[in-house]
């Protein structure tokens, strides 16, 4: 799988999990933790799989025209620094899921918590992977 498609998958995976999390019962702590843990570990594995593409100064860029009339594009960029932060976001996300599974009471709204946690993780990955026009102009695209 090309690295550009892995970037999209890394970004979309937490949001997909965030949409699935509220579908569980309110007292389904184990199922929710397994879902959130699997999504965060999958994200961590995908980010780790991108590593060969960003070694030795490599940059992975993905651009999709979104609103051409306004010259708005959906653009993702990963270099070594963004890779490190994506690893931190997904790794810490997994540790929070692990801790929350054993910390939260059965009376707590577990599906809502994991839904918001995964949405927050997706938002953090979106910030880390977002590309600007200057990153395109400096790379010659």
Protein backbone atom coordinates (compact mmCIF):
# COMPACT_ATOMS: atom_id res chain seq x y z
CA UNK A 1 0.00 0.00 0.00
CA UNK A 2 1.45 3.40 -0.93
CA UNK A 3 2.39 5.67 1.92
CA UNK A 4 -0.13 8.32 0.81
CA UNK A 5 -3.01 5.91 1.35
CA UNK A 6 -1.61 4.97 4.74
CA UNK A 7 -1.78 8.66 5.74
CA UNK A 8 -5.47 8.79 4.92
CA UNK A 9 -6.10 5.54 6.79
CA UNK A 10 -4.23 6.75 9.88
CA UNK A 11 -6.33 9.90 9.90
CA UNK A 12 -9.71 8.23 9.20
CA UNK A 13 -9.38 5.28 11.58
CA UNK A 14 -9.98 7.15 14.89
CA UNK A 15 -12.99 8.98 13.43
CA UNK A 16 -14.46 5.68 12.25
CA UNK A 17 -13.98 4.26 15.74
CA UNK A 18 -15.53 7.37 17.22
CA UNK A 19 -18.66 6.75 15.16
CA UNK A 20 -18.79 3.07 16.15
CA UNK A 21 -18.24 3.59 19.88
CA UNK A 22 -21.71 4.99 20.73
CA UNK A 23 -23.34 1.90 19.21
CA UNK A 24 -22.30 -0.23 22.21
CA UNK A 25 -24.35 -0.69 25.37
CA UNK A 26 -23.77 1.81 28.16
CA UNK A 27 -22.18 -0.85 30.39
CA UNK A 28 -20.01 -2.53 27.72
CA UNK A 29 -16.67 -1.54 29.24
CA UNK A 30 -14.74 -4.51 27.90
CA UNK A 31 -16.09 -4.30 24.34
CA UNK A 32 -15.50 -0.56 24.23
CA UNK A 33 -11.97 -0.89 25.53
CA UNK A 34 -11.22 -3.61 22.98
CA UNK A 35 -12.57 -1.46 20.14
CA UNK A 36 -10.67 1.66 21.20
CA UNK A 37 -7.52 -0.33 21.97
CA UNK A 38 -7.61 -2.10 18.61
CA UNK A 39 -8.06 1.20 16.77
CA UNK A 40 -5.22 2.92 18.61
CA UNK A 41 -2.89 -0.05 18.13
CA UNK A 42 -3.81 -0.25 14.44
CA UNK A 43 -3.04 3.46 14.11
CA UNK A 44 0.27 2.95 15.89
CA UNK A 45 1.15 0.06 13.56
CA UNK A 46 0.22 2.09 10.47
CA UNK A 47 2.34 5.04 11.59
CA UNK A 48 5.23 2.66 12.28
CA UNK A 49 4.78 1.19 8.78
CA UNK A 50 5.22 4.67 7.27
CA UNK A 51 8.66 5.05 8.86
CA UNK A 52 10.68 3.91 5.80
CA UNK A 53 9.05 6.69 3.77
CA UNK A 54 10.22 9.45 6.10
CA UNK A 55 13.75 8.25 6.81
CA UNK A 56 16.69 10.27 5.52
CA UNK A 57 14.64 13.43 5.11
CA UNK A 58 11.77 11.88 3.15
CA UNK A 59 8.43 13.67 3.02
CA UNK A 60 5.10 12.04 2.18
CA UNK A 61 2.56 14.40 0.64
CA UNK A 62 -1.07 13.77 -0.29
CA UNK A 63 -3.29 16.34 -1.96
CA UNK A 64 -6.95 16.12 -2.94
CA UNK A 65 -8.78 19.01 -4.58
CA UNK A 66 -11.67 19.84 -2.32
CA UNK A 67 -13.26 23.10 -3.55
CA UNK A 68 -11.39 24.01 -6.76
CA UNK A 69 -13.31 27.27 -7.28
CA UNK A 70 -11.95 28.60 -4.00
CA UNK A 71 -8.59 26.84 -4.43
CA UNK A 72 -9.18 24.83 -1.24
CA UNK A 73 -7.43 21.48 -1.07
CA UNK A 74 -7.35 18.65 1.43
CA UNK A 75 -3.65 18.08 2.02
CA UNK A 76 -1.69 15.80 4.31
CA UNK A 77 2.07 15.89 4.93
CA UNK A 78 4.31 13.65 6.98
CA UNK A 79 8.00 14.16 7.59
CA UNK A 80 10.16 12.86 10.41
CA UNK A 81 8.88 15.40 12.93
CA UNK A 82 5.22 14.71 12.08
CA UNK A 83 5.96 10.98 12.23
CA UNK A 84 7.32 11.35 15.75
CA UNK A 85 4.26 13.27 16.91
CA UNK A 86 1.89 10.80 15.22
CA UNK A 87 3.65 8.00 17.10
CA UNK A 88 3.24 9.96 20.35
CA UNK A 89 -0.47 10.63 19.73
CA UNK A 90 -1.30 7.02 18.91
CA UNK A 91 0.95 5.55 21.61
CA UNK A 92 -0.37 7.81 24.36
CA UNK A 93 -3.89 7.19 23.06
CA UNK A 94 -3.40 3.47 23.61
CA UNK A 95 -2.06 4.04 27.13
CA UNK A 96 -5.08 6.23 27.97
CA UNK A 97 -7.43 3.51 26.68
CA UNK A 98 -5.65 0.92 28.79
CA UNK A 99 -5.78 3.10 31.90
CA UNK A 100 -9.41 4.13 31.35
CA UNK A 101 -10.55 0.53 31.02
CA UNK A 102 -9.51 -0.22 34.60
CA UNK A 103 -10.19 3.21 36.07
CA UNK A 104 -13.75 3.91 34.91
CA UNK A 105 -16.68 2.73 36.96
CA UNK A 106 -19.37 0.54 35.33
CA UNK A 107 -21.79 3.40 36.02
CA UNK A 108 -19.77 5.84 33.90
CA UNK A 109 -20.85 6.58 30.29
CA UNK A 110 -18.09 4.45 28.77
CA UNK A 111 -19.25 4.57 25.10
CA UNK A 112 -19.39 8.37 25.18
CA UNK A 113 -15.94 8.59 26.78
CA UNK A 114 -14.28 6.33 24.21
CA UNK A 115 -16.12 8.06 21.37
CA UNK A 116 -14.80 11.46 22.47
CA UNK A 117 -11.34 10.05 23.15
CA UNK A 118 -11.08 8.59 19.63
CA UNK A 119 -12.45 11.80 18.09
CA UNK A 120 -9.85 13.80 20.02
CA UNK A 121 -7.11 11.45 18.86
CA UNK A 122 -8.28 11.90 15.26
CA UNK A 123 -8.27 15.67 15.68
CA UNK A 124 -4.74 15.60 17.07
CA UNK A 125 -3.59 13.45 14.15
CA UNK A 126 -5.31 15.90 11.79
CA UNK A 127 -3.33 18.77 13.28
CA UNK A 128 -0.07 16.83 13.12
CA UNK A 129 -0.60 15.69 9.51
CA UNK A 130 -2.11 18.85 8.05
CA UNK A 131 -0.21 20.44 5.19
CA UNK A 132 -0.01 24.10 4.28
CA UNK A 133 0.51 25.78 0.95
CA UNK A 134 4.06 26.67 1.92
CA UNK A 135 4.90 23.00 2.43
CA UNK A 136 3.78 22.32 -1.15
CA UNK A 137 5.64 25.25 -2.66
CA UNK A 138 8.85 24.35 -0.86
CA UNK A 139 8.77 20.75 -2.08
CA UNK A 140 8.36 21.72 -5.70
CA UNK A 141 4.77 20.50 -6.16
